[in-house]
């Protein structure tokens, strides 16, 4: 979450009604069209070549798209964030820049609108439950904002307050963003965007249910109770509602601050985080699938990681878990053919890819096997092998016959894994991936797959 505390200019009421939100989208489309017309006229006058994409992606239109989606918050803004993470390799870099900007922007509600939300959930006398409630948020994001409060019995809490109208507008907002992408030519049919958008609607509905998120937070507290190195906030059930989440305040700093720590501590803590992700995949049967760095805080005094935001928790499909297990097991054994087969069976790669581009596929598998089998710390800051993979994958990426989204359940897991790799790069961490993988696989078992009746 971005910290808006000292920026009064970002205080803006959230459009909560369907007509108001639709009107905002309408003004966005109108503004973009006007910007295109002006830019087109300028280019014609100067004799420059005209491209539809260039007309859409003028600096003015980029500013309009970012500002309007940030104003809407909710699903509109969340979709921008999700698409930039999940489809960044497929979308034009210019659009990726627009969407990535949304990860770092969020306005917050004026006090009057905040009070209206709290009254609707806690009643008109809601202030009587607190010694104080700070109306200025300590953080704001796409779906809600967070406030500090002190209860009458002395509990200092973080209260996450959902923006009004967010839950009811999810489906229409996602559809409007989808239309905007298609009109702009950013959603080629080969990518089956409908599957991603349907999954996004489902996840956003789950994230908007704060009682569900509270239950997931409690589950993680139980799972990690005997595992050192992690802190999960404690749920305050009495104050939690469908659009209000009350929890203990857990003080920490941005996880990026780990960059300032000695290499030994940095590597140890990031290794713990990778092991947690592995446990989610192979042991817990549930995974927090949002890799946003803001969901992890660092406590320098103890070296612990604070885990936040459990709205994106979802059950791990046993088939996905076992698919990863088979790939890793074959990789550790250095068996290229089994890795290829497991990758296809898990849905990471379509059979047609291996049939049409066997040399590139085999080379990419060999690169990954060589990296994971080395019995030494893997340097996440050394991206040399990533460039090799991209070079081999370029021809495949240009072949539209091979374009396809992986199974949605696989996509969410891969999103988390990829996000952790990016964090490792940011922290310049070094972890012995082989030892970690061998340990997790040895201490867990394949998940049973229930057969349909």
Protein backbone atom coordinates (compact mmCIF):
# COMPACT_ATOMS: atom_id res chain seq x y z
CA UNK A 1 0.00 0.00 0.00
CA UNK A 2 1.13 3.52 -0.75
CA UNK A 3 1.41 5.95 2.19
CA UNK A 4 -0.80 8.98 1.47
CA UNK A 5 -0.70 10.48 4.98
CA UNK A 6 1.13 13.67 4.07
CA UNK A 7 -0.48 14.31 0.69
CA UNK A 8 -3.77 16.21 1.07
CA UNK A 9 -4.12 16.47 -2.71
CA UNK A 10 -4.91 12.75 -2.90
CA UNK A 11 -8.07 13.06 -0.81
CA UNK A 12 -10.89 12.33 -3.26
CA UNK A 13 -14.36 10.92 -2.81
CA UNK A 14 -14.87 7.48 -4.34
CA UNK A 15 -17.67 7.29 -6.96
CA UNK A 16 -19.91 4.71 -5.28
CA UNK A 17 -22.98 4.52 -7.52
CA UNK A 18 -23.09 2.59 -10.79
CA UNK A 19 -24.06 5.67 -12.80
CA UNK A 20 -21.30 7.74 -11.25
CA UNK A 21 -18.69 5.07 -12.01
CA UNK A 22 -20.01 4.57 -15.55
CA UNK A 23 -19.86 8.32 -16.05
CA UNK A 24 -16.22 8.35 -15.02
CA UNK A 25 -15.46 5.65 -17.59
CA UNK A 26 -17.40 7.65 -20.17
CA UNK A 27 -15.38 10.78 -19.46
CA UNK A 28 -12.20 8.73 -19.71
CA UNK A 29 -13.17 7.38 -23.14
CA UNK A 30 -14.23 10.85 -24.29
CA UNK A 31 -11.01 12.40 -23.06
CA UNK A 32 -8.91 9.74 -24.77
CA UNK A 33 -10.86 10.23 -28.03
CA UNK A 34 -10.35 14.00 -27.82
CA UNK A 35 -6.65 13.51 -27.19
CA UNK A 36 -6.42 11.18 -30.19
CA UNK A 37 -8.12 13.73 -32.45
CA UNK A 38 -5.82 16.52 -31.36
CA UNK A 39 -2.70 14.41 -31.77
CA UNK A 40 -3.90 13.12 -35.15
CA UNK A 41 -4.46 16.65 -36.41
CA UNK A 42 -1.02 17.71 -35.21
CA UNK A 43 0.66 14.78 -36.99
CA UNK A 44 -1.25 15.33 -40.22
CA UNK A 45 -0.23 18.98 -40.24
CA UNK A 46 3.43 18.11 -39.68
CA UNK A 47 3.34 15.26 -42.21
CA UNK A 48 4.12 12.57 -39.63
CA UNK A 49 2.99 8.95 -39.94
CA UNK A 50 -0.20 8.16 -38.01
CA UNK A 51 -0.58 5.00 -35.91
CA UNK A 52 -3.69 4.27 -33.81
CA UNK A 53 -1.59 2.98 -30.94
CA UNK A 54 0.63 6.08 -31.02
CA UNK A 55 -2.47 8.29 -30.96
CA UNK A 56 -3.85 6.46 -27.91
CA UNK A 57 -0.58 6.44 -25.99
CA UNK A 58 0.13 10.16 -26.02
CA UNK A 59 1.43 11.60 -22.73
CA UNK A 60 -1.93 13.28 -22.18
CA UNK A 61 -3.90 10.08 -22.68
CA UNK A 62 -1.52 8.13 -20.45
CA UNK A 63 -2.13 10.73 -17.75
CA UNK A 64 -5.92 10.53 -18.27
CA UNK A 65 -6.03 6.72 -18.02
CA UNK A 66 -3.88 6.59 -14.92
CA UNK A 67 -5.72 9.42 -13.16
CA UNK A 68 -9.24 8.13 -13.87
CA UNK A 69 -8.52 4.52 -12.91
CA UNK A 70 -6.83 5.72 -9.73
CA UNK A 71 -9.90 7.86 -8.95
CA UNK A 72 -12.28 4.92 -9.39
CA UNK A 73 -10.23 2.62 -7.16
CA UNK A 74 -11.81 -0.77 -6.62
CA UNK A 75 -11.88 -3.29 -9.43
CA UNK A 76 -10.90 -0.71 -12.06
CA UNK A 77 -7.62 0.06 -10.33
CA UNK A 78 -7.08 -3.51 -9.16
CA UNK A 79 -7.50 -4.77 -12.71
CA UNK A 80 -4.78 -2.42 -13.85
CA UNK A 81 -2.50 -3.79 -11.16
CA UNK A 82 -3.36 -7.45 -11.86
CA UNK A 83 -3.00 -7.17 -15.63
CA UNK A 84 0.38 -5.47 -15.30
CA UNK A 85 1.59 -8.35 -13.12
CA UNK A 86 -0.07 -11.27 -14.89
CA UNK A 87 0.26 -10.25 -18.51
CA UNK A 88 3.23 -7.94 -18.58
CA UNK A 89 5.11 -10.13 -21.06
CA UNK A 90 2.21 -10.04 -23.54
CA UNK A 91 1.04 -6.42 -23.40
CA UNK A 92 2.74 -3.47 -25.13
CA UNK A 93 5.41 -1.89 -22.90
CA UNK A 94 3.64 1.47 -23.06
CA UNK A 95 0.46 -0.01 -21.56
CA UNK A 96 2.54 -1.91 -19.05
CA UNK A 97 3.99 1.39 -17.87
CA UNK A 98 0.50 2.85 -17.41
CA UNK A 99 -0.74 -0.15 -15.45
CA UNK A 100 2.41 -0.45 -13.36
CA UNK A 101 1.97 3.16 -12.27
CA UNK A 102 -1.35 2.16 -10.70
CA UNK A 103 0.49 -0.14 -8.30
CA UNK A 104 1.95 2.94 -6.65
CA UNK A 105 -1.05 5.27 -6.72
CA UNK A 106 -4.12 5.46 -4.55
CA UNK A 107 -6.33 8.32 -3.43
CA UNK A 108 -8.17 8.19 -0.13
CA UNK A 109 -11.64 9.07 1.10
CA UNK A 110 -12.54 12.46 2.59
CA UNK A 111 -13.50 12.32 6.28
CA UNK A 112 -17.22 12.79 5.54
CA UNK A 113 -17.33 9.77 3.23
CA UNK A 114 -15.28 7.72 5.70
CA UNK A 115 -17.73 8.55 8.49
CA UNK A 116 -20.63 7.46 6.29
CA UNK A 117 -19.02 4.06 5.71
CA UNK A 118 -18.29 3.55 9.43
CA UNK A 119 -21.84 4.56 10.40
CA UNK A 120 -23.32 2.05 7.98
CA UNK A 121 -21.25 -0.78 9.51
CA UNK A 122 -20.92 0.13 13.22
CA UNK A 123 -23.91 2.41 13.75
CA UNK A 124 -24.21 6.15 14.38
CA UNK A 125 -22.48 5.92 17.77
CA UNK A 126 -19.44 4.05 16.44
CA UNK A 127 -17.00 6.50 18.09
CA UNK A 128 -18.03 5.30 21.55
CA UNK A 129 -16.07 2.08 20.94
CA UNK A 130 -12.76 3.96 20.71
CA UNK A 131 -10.57 6.24 22.79
CA UNK A 132 -9.44 7.64 19.48
CA UNK A 133 -9.76 6.87 15.76
CA UNK A 134 -7.38 8.64 13.39
CA UNK A 135 -9.39 9.84 10.35
CA UNK A 136 -6.17 10.18 8.33
CA UNK A 137 -5.28 6.80 6.79
CA UNK A 138 -1.83 5.31 7.26
CA UNK A 139 -2.16 3.49 3.93
CA UNK A 140 -4.45 3.40 0.89
CA UNK A 141 -4.79 0.92 -1.95
CA UNK A 142 -7.22 -0.19 -4.64
CA UNK A 143 -10.02 -1.64 -2.48
CA UNK A 144 -9.64 0.01 0.91
CA UNK A 145 -7.62 2.24 3.22
CA UNK A 146 -6.17 1.60 6.69
CA UNK A 147 -6.61 3.66 9.87
CA UNK A 148 -5.10 3.48 13.34
CA UNK A 149 -7.44 3.32 16.31
CA UNK A 150 -7.36 2.66 20.08
CA UNK A 151 -10.25 0.78 21.66
CA UNK A 152 -11.75 1.59 25.07
CA UNK A 153 -9.97 -1.43 26.55
CA UNK A 154 -6.57 -0.26 25.27
CA UNK A 155 -6.09 -2.31 22.10
CA UNK A 156 -4.29 -0.45 19.34
CA UNK A 157 -5.73 -1.61 16.04
CA UNK A 158 -5.36 -1.24 12.31
CA UNK A 159 -8.80 -0.86 10.72
CA UNK A 160 -9.08 -1.54 7.00
CA UNK A 161 -12.09 0.30 5.57
CA UNK A 162 -13.42 -0.71 2.17
CA UNK A 163 -14.33 2.02 -0.29
CA UNK A 164 -18.11 2.40 -0.75
CA UNK A 165 -19.61 0.73 -3.80
CA UNK A 166 -16.50 -1.34 -4.55
CA UNK A 167 -18.04 -4.77 -4.00
CA UNK A 168 -21.17 -3.99 -6.03
CA UNK A 169 -19.23 -2.51 -8.94
CA UNK A 170 -16.71 -5.33 -9.47
CA UNK A 171 -18.36 -7.03 -12.45
CA UNK A 172 -19.23 -3.83 -14.29
CA UNK A 173 -15.82 -2.26 -13.60
CA UNK A 174 -13.97 -5.33 -14.91
CA UNK A 175 -16.18 -5.36 -18.01
CA UNK A 176 -15.52 -1.65 -18.58
CA UNK A 177 -11.76 -2.09 -18.25
CA UNK A 178 -11.96 -5.06 -20.62
CA UNK A 179 -13.83 -2.94 -23.17
CA UNK A 180 -11.25 -0.19 -22.84
CA UNK A 181 -8.43 -2.66 -23.49
CA UNK A 182 -10.15 -4.13 -26.53
CA UNK A 183 -11.09 -0.78 -28.05
CA UNK A 184 -7.48 0.32 -27.66
CA UNK A 185 -6.30 -2.88 -29.35
CA UNK A 186 -4.42 -4.09 -26.27
CA UNK A 187 -6.22 -7.42 -25.86
CA UNK A 188 -5.50 -9.70 -28.84
CA UNK A 189 -7.99 -12.59 -29.07
CA UNK A 190 -5.17 -15.15 -29.03
CA UNK A 191 -4.58 -14.41 -25.34
CA UNK A 192 -8.05 -15.55 -24.21
CA UNK A 193 -8.42 -12.50 -21.98
CA UNK A 194 -11.95 -13.57 -21.03
CA UNK A 195 -10.56 -16.38 -18.91
CA UNK A 196 -8.31 -13.99 -17.02
CA UNK A 197 -11.10 -11.46 -16.56
CA UNK A 198 -13.52 -14.08 -15.23
CA UNK A 199 -10.89 -15.21 -12.75
CA UNK A 200 -10.23 -11.59 -11.81
CA UNK A 201 -13.92 -11.04 -11.02
CA UNK A 202 -13.96 -14.09 -8.77
CA UNK A 203 -10.80 -13.07 -6.92
CA UNK A 204 -11.97 -9.47 -6.52
CA UNK A 205 -15.27 -10.61 -5.02
CA UNK A 206 -13.30 -12.70 -2.54
CA UNK A 207 -10.94 -9.82 -1.72
CA UNK A 208 -13.92 -7.53 -1.09
CA UNK A 209 -15.22 -9.91 1.62
CA UNK A 210 -13.27 -8.78 4.69
CA UNK A 211 -14.84 -11.42 6.92
CA UNK A 212 -13.40 -14.04 4.58
CA UNK A 213 -10.03 -12.30 4.69
CA UNK A 214 -10.14 -12.31 8.49
CA UNK A 215 -10.73 -16.07 8.48
CA UNK A 216 -7.76 -16.55 6.15
CA UNK A 217 -5.60 -14.41 8.43
CA UNK A 218 -6.54 -16.60 11.39
CA UNK A 219 -5.68 -19.70 9.35
CA UNK A 220 -2.20 -18.35 8.65
CA UNK A 221 -1.69 -17.52 12.34
CA UNK A 222 -2.43 -21.16 13.13
CA UNK A 223 -0.21 -22.53 10.35
CA UNK A 224 2.74 -20.34 11.37
CA UNK A 225 2.30 -20.51 15.16
CA UNK A 226 5.26 -22.88 15.56
CA UNK A 227 7.36 -21.56 12.68
CA UNK A 228 9.76 -18.79 13.76
CA UNK A 229 10.46 -15.75 11.63
CA UNK A 230 6.90 -14.69 10.76
CA UNK A 231 4.28 -12.42 12.33
CA UNK A 232 0.58 -12.46 11.37
CA UNK A 233 -1.78 -9.78 12.79
CA UNK A 234 -4.40 -10.92 15.28
CA UNK A 235 -8.00 -10.54 14.13
CA UNK A 236 -10.43 -8.46 16.22
CA UNK A 237 -13.60 -10.39 15.46
CA UNK A 238 -15.97 -8.06 17.31
CA UNK A 239 -15.20 -5.09 15.05
CA UNK A 240 -14.77 -6.94 11.75
CA UNK A 241 -17.56 -6.74 9.19
CA UNK A 242 -17.93 -7.54 5.49
CA UNK A 243 -16.31 -4.22 4.57
CA UNK A 244 -14.32 -3.54 7.77
CA UNK A 245 -11.32 -5.57 8.90
CA UNK A 246 -9.96 -4.93 12.39
CA UNK A 247 -6.59 -6.38 13.42
CA UNK A 248 -3.65 -5.79 15.69
CA UNK A 249 -1.07 -3.26 14.57
CA UNK A 250 2.25 -4.90 13.78
CA UNK A 251 5.03 -2.36 13.42
CA UNK A 252 7.62 -2.84 10.71
CA UNK A 253 9.28 -1.19 7.74
CA UNK A 254 9.00 -1.81 4.00
CA UNK A 255 10.54 -5.13 3.05
CA UNK A 256 12.75 -3.29 0.58
CA UNK A 257 14.62 -1.96 3.64
CA UNK A 258 16.24 -5.39 3.80
CA UNK A 259 18.56 -4.01 1.13
CA UNK A 260 20.32 -2.09 3.91
CA UNK A 261 20.93 -5.20 6.04
CA UNK A 262 24.08 -7.36 5.97
CA UNK A 263 24.06 -10.01 3.24
CA UNK A 264 23.81 -12.87 5.75
CA UNK A 265 20.58 -11.57 7.31
CA UNK A 266 19.16 -10.58 3.93
CA UNK A 267 19.76 -14.06 2.51
CA UNK A 268 18.41 -15.81 5.60
CA UNK A 269 15.16 -13.86 5.69
CA UNK A 270 14.52 -14.15 1.97
CA UNK A 271 15.28 -17.87 2.21
CA UNK A 272 12.63 -18.13 4.94
CA UNK A 273 10.15 -16.39 2.65
CA UNK A 274 10.90 -18.80 -0.21
CA UNK A 275 10.41 -21.73 2.11
CA UNK A 276 7.06 -20.28 3.20
CA UNK A 277 5.94 -20.08 -0.45
CA UNK A 278 7.06 -23.70 -0.91
CA UNK A 279 5.08 -24.73 2.18
CA UNK A 280 2.03 -22.94 0.86
CA UNK A 281 2.33 -24.88 -2.38
CA UNK A 282 3.20 -28.33 -1.04
CA UNK A 283 2.01 -28.41 2.58
CA UNK A 284 -0.58 -25.80 3.61
CA UNK A 285 -2.84 -26.30 0.58
CA UNK A 286 -3.56 -22.55 0.56
CA UNK A 287 -1.53 -19.67 -0.86
CA UNK A 288 -1.59 -15.92 -0.55
CA UNK A 289 -1.32 -15.23 -4.29
CA UNK A 290 -0.67 -11.47 -4.32
CA UNK A 291 3.10 -10.83 -4.56
CA UNK A 292 2.82 -7.07 -4.00
CA UNK A 293 5.87 -6.07 -1.95
CA UNK A 294 3.64 -3.98 0.34
CA UNK A 295 2.12 -7.21 1.68
CA UNK A 296 5.39 -7.98 3.46
CA UNK A 297 6.93 -5.83 6.20
CA UNK A 298 10.27 -6.26 7.93
CA UNK A 299 10.89 -5.92 11.68
CA UNK A 300 14.59 -5.00 12.08
CA UNK A 301 14.66 -5.55 15.86
CA UNK A 302 13.81 -9.25 15.55
CA UNK A 303 14.50 -10.09 11.90
CA UNK A 304 10.87 -11.20 11.48
CA UNK A 305 8.64 -10.75 8.44
CA UNK A 306 5.14 -9.39 8.97
CA UNK A 307 2.58 -10.86 6.58
CA UNK A 308 -0.30 -8.60 5.52
CA UNK A 309 -3.34 -8.68 3.24
CA UNK A 310 -4.88 -12.14 3.03
CA UNK A 311 -7.70 -11.23 0.66
CA UNK A 312 -5.96 -13.01 -2.24
CA UNK A 313 -5.60 -16.30 -0.37
CA UNK A 314 -6.95 -19.23 -2.33
CA UNK A 315 -6.83 -22.99 -2.12
CA UNK A 316 -4.03 -24.62 -4.09
CA UNK A 317 -5.33 -27.08 -6.67
CA UNK A 318 -3.74 -30.48 -5.82
CA UNK A 319 -3.08 -31.02 -9.54
CA UNK A 320 -1.10 -27.76 -9.65
CA UNK A 321 0.83 -28.65 -6.51
CA UNK A 322 1.69 -32.09 -7.84
CA UNK A 323 2.60 -30.63 -11.22
CA UNK A 324 5.16 -28.36 -9.60
CA UNK A 325 6.41 -31.28 -7.53
CA UNK A 326 6.94 -33.44 -10.62
CA UNK A 327 8.74 -30.65 -12.46
CA UNK A 328 11.07 -29.91 -9.54
CA UNK A 329 11.77 -33.58 -8.88
CA UNK A 330 12.64 -34.21 -12.53
CA UNK A 331 14.75 -31.06 -12.60
CA UNK A 332 16.78 -32.12 -9.57
CA UNK A 333 17.38 -35.47 -11.27
CA UNK A 334 18.48 -33.68 -14.46
CA UNK A 335 15.88 -35.49 -16.55
CA UNK A 336 15.00 -33.16 -19.43
CA UNK A 337 12.31 -35.42 -20.94
CA UNK A 338 10.46 -35.77 -17.64
CA UNK A 339 10.64 -32.02 -17.02
CA UNK A 340 9.13 -31.39 -20.46
CA UNK A 341 6.37 -33.93 -19.89
CA UNK A 342 5.57 -32.61 -16.40
CA UNK A 343 5.48 -29.04 -17.75
CA UNK A 344 2.92 -30.05 -20.38
CA UNK A 345 0.83 -32.09 -17.94
CA UNK A 346 0.74 -29.19 -15.48
CA UNK A 347 -0.52 -26.84 -18.21
CA UNK A 348 2.52 -24.58 -18.22
CA UNK A 349 3.19 -25.37 -21.85
CA UNK A 350 0.92 -26.46 -24.69
CA UNK A 351 2.00 -29.65 -26.49
CA UNK A 352 2.11 -27.71 -29.76
CA UNK A 353 4.97 -25.60 -28.36
CA UNK A 354 7.19 -28.63 -27.85
CA UNK A 355 6.18 -30.00 -31.25
CA UNK A 356 6.91 -26.81 -33.22
CA UNK A 357 9.91 -25.52 -31.27
CA UNK A 358 11.69 -28.58 -29.82
CA UNK A 359 15.21 -27.12 -29.91
CA UNK A 360 14.26 -23.91 -28.10
CA UNK A 361 12.19 -25.79 -25.53
CA UNK A 362 15.01 -28.25 -24.80
CA UNK A 363 17.56 -25.46 -24.50
CA UNK A 364 15.34 -23.55 -22.06
CA UNK A 365 14.81 -26.68 -19.95
CA UNK A 366 18.56 -27.34 -19.88
CA UNK A 367 19.21 -23.77 -18.69
CA UNK A 368 16.74 -24.14 -15.81
CA UNK A 369 18.03 -27.59 -14.83
CA UNK A 370 21.61 -26.36 -14.74
CA UNK A 371 20.64 -23.47 -12.47
CA UNK A 372 18.57 -25.47 -9.97
CA UNK A 373 20.98 -28.41 -9.67
CA UNK A 374 23.96 -26.34 -8.62
CA UNK A 375 24.73 -26.98 -4.95
CA UNK A 376 25.56 -23.37 -4.10
CA UNK A 377 23.68 -20.15 -3.39
CA UNK A 378 21.68 -18.93 -6.36
CA UNK A 379 22.27 -15.24 -6.99
CA UNK A 380 18.90 -13.64 -7.75
CA UNK A 381 20.62 -10.43 -8.82
CA UNK A 382 22.40 -12.24 -11.67
CA UNK A 383 19.79 -12.15 -14.42
CA UNK A 384 22.04 -13.59 -17.11
CA UNK A 385 20.11 -16.86 -17.37
CA UNK A 386 16.82 -14.90 -17.68
CA UNK A 387 18.12 -13.15 -20.78
CA UNK A 388 19.15 -16.52 -22.21
CA UNK A 389 15.64 -17.85 -21.62
CA UNK A 390 14.09 -14.79 -23.26
CA UNK A 391 16.38 -15.16 -26.25
CA UNK A 392 15.34 -18.78 -26.73
CA UNK A 393 11.70 -17.98 -26.09
CA UNK A 394 11.51 -15.09 -28.54
CA UNK A 395 10.68 -17.27 -31.57
CA UNK A 396 8.02 -19.09 -29.56
CA UNK A 397 6.51 -15.80 -28.42
CA UNK A 398 6.18 -14.65 -32.03
CA UNK A 399 4.25 -17.80 -32.99
CA UNK A 400 0.60 -16.93 -32.39
CA UNK A 401 -0.46 -20.56 -32.84
CA UNK A 402 1.20 -21.33 -29.53
CA UNK A 403 -0.33 -18.44 -27.56
CA UNK A 404 -2.51 -19.57 -24.66
CA UNK A 405 -3.04 -18.73 -21.01
CA UNK A 406 -2.10 -21.55 -18.65
CA UNK A 407 -4.87 -22.93 -16.41
CA UNK A 408 -6.10 -20.15 -14.15
CA UNK A 409 -5.12 -21.98 -10.94
CA UNK A 410 -1.61 -22.38 -12.33
CA UNK A 411 -1.52 -18.71 -13.28
CA UNK A 412 -2.21 -17.52 -9.73
CA UNK A 413 0.54 -19.72 -8.27
CA UNK A 414 2.99 -18.65 -10.96
CA UNK A 415 2.13 -15.03 -10.25
CA UNK A 416 3.28 -15.49 -6.63
CA UNK A 417 6.41 -17.42 -7.58
CA UNK A 418 7.40 -14.82 -10.19
CA UNK A 419 6.76 -12.00 -7.73
CA UNK A 420 9.06 -13.59 -5.17
CA UNK A 421 11.78 -13.94 -7.80
CA UNK A 422 11.49 -10.20 -8.51
CA UNK A 423 11.77 -9.47 -4.79
CA UNK A 424 14.89 -11.63 -4.62
CA UNK A 425 16.36 -9.62 -7.48
CA UNK A 426 15.53 -6.35 -5.70
CA UNK A 427 17.19 -7.58 -2.49
CA UNK A 428 20.19 -9.09 -4.30
CA UNK A 429 19.55 -12.22 -2.25
CA UNK A 430 21.46 -15.48 -2.56
CA UNK A 431 19.78 -18.75 -1.57
CA UNK A 432 20.74 -22.38 -2.18
CA UNK A 433 17.69 -23.33 -4.22
CA UNK A 434 18.73 -26.96 -4.55
CA UNK A 435 18.99 -27.51 -0.79
CA UNK A 436 15.73 -25.67 -0.14
CA UNK A 437 13.87 -27.66 -2.82
CA UNK A 438 15.26 -31.00 -1.66
CA UNK A 439 14.26 -30.24 1.92
CA UNK A 440 10.70 -29.22 1.12
CA UNK A 441 10.08 -32.15 -1.24
CA UNK A 442 11.50 -34.62 1.28
CA UNK A 443 9.32 -33.34 4.13
CA UNK A 444 6.03 -33.19 2.20
CA UNK A 445 3.97 -35.65 0.19
CA UNK A 446 1.99 -35.39 -3.04
CA UNK A 447 -1.50 -34.01 -2.48
CA UNK A 448 -4.37 -36.48 -2.97
CA UNK A 449 -6.58 -35.64 -5.93
CA UNK A 450 -10.27 -36.26 -5.34
CA UNK A 451 -11.94 -38.16 -8.13
CA UNK A 452 -15.29 -36.99 -9.40
CA UNK A 453 -18.20 -39.14 -8.28
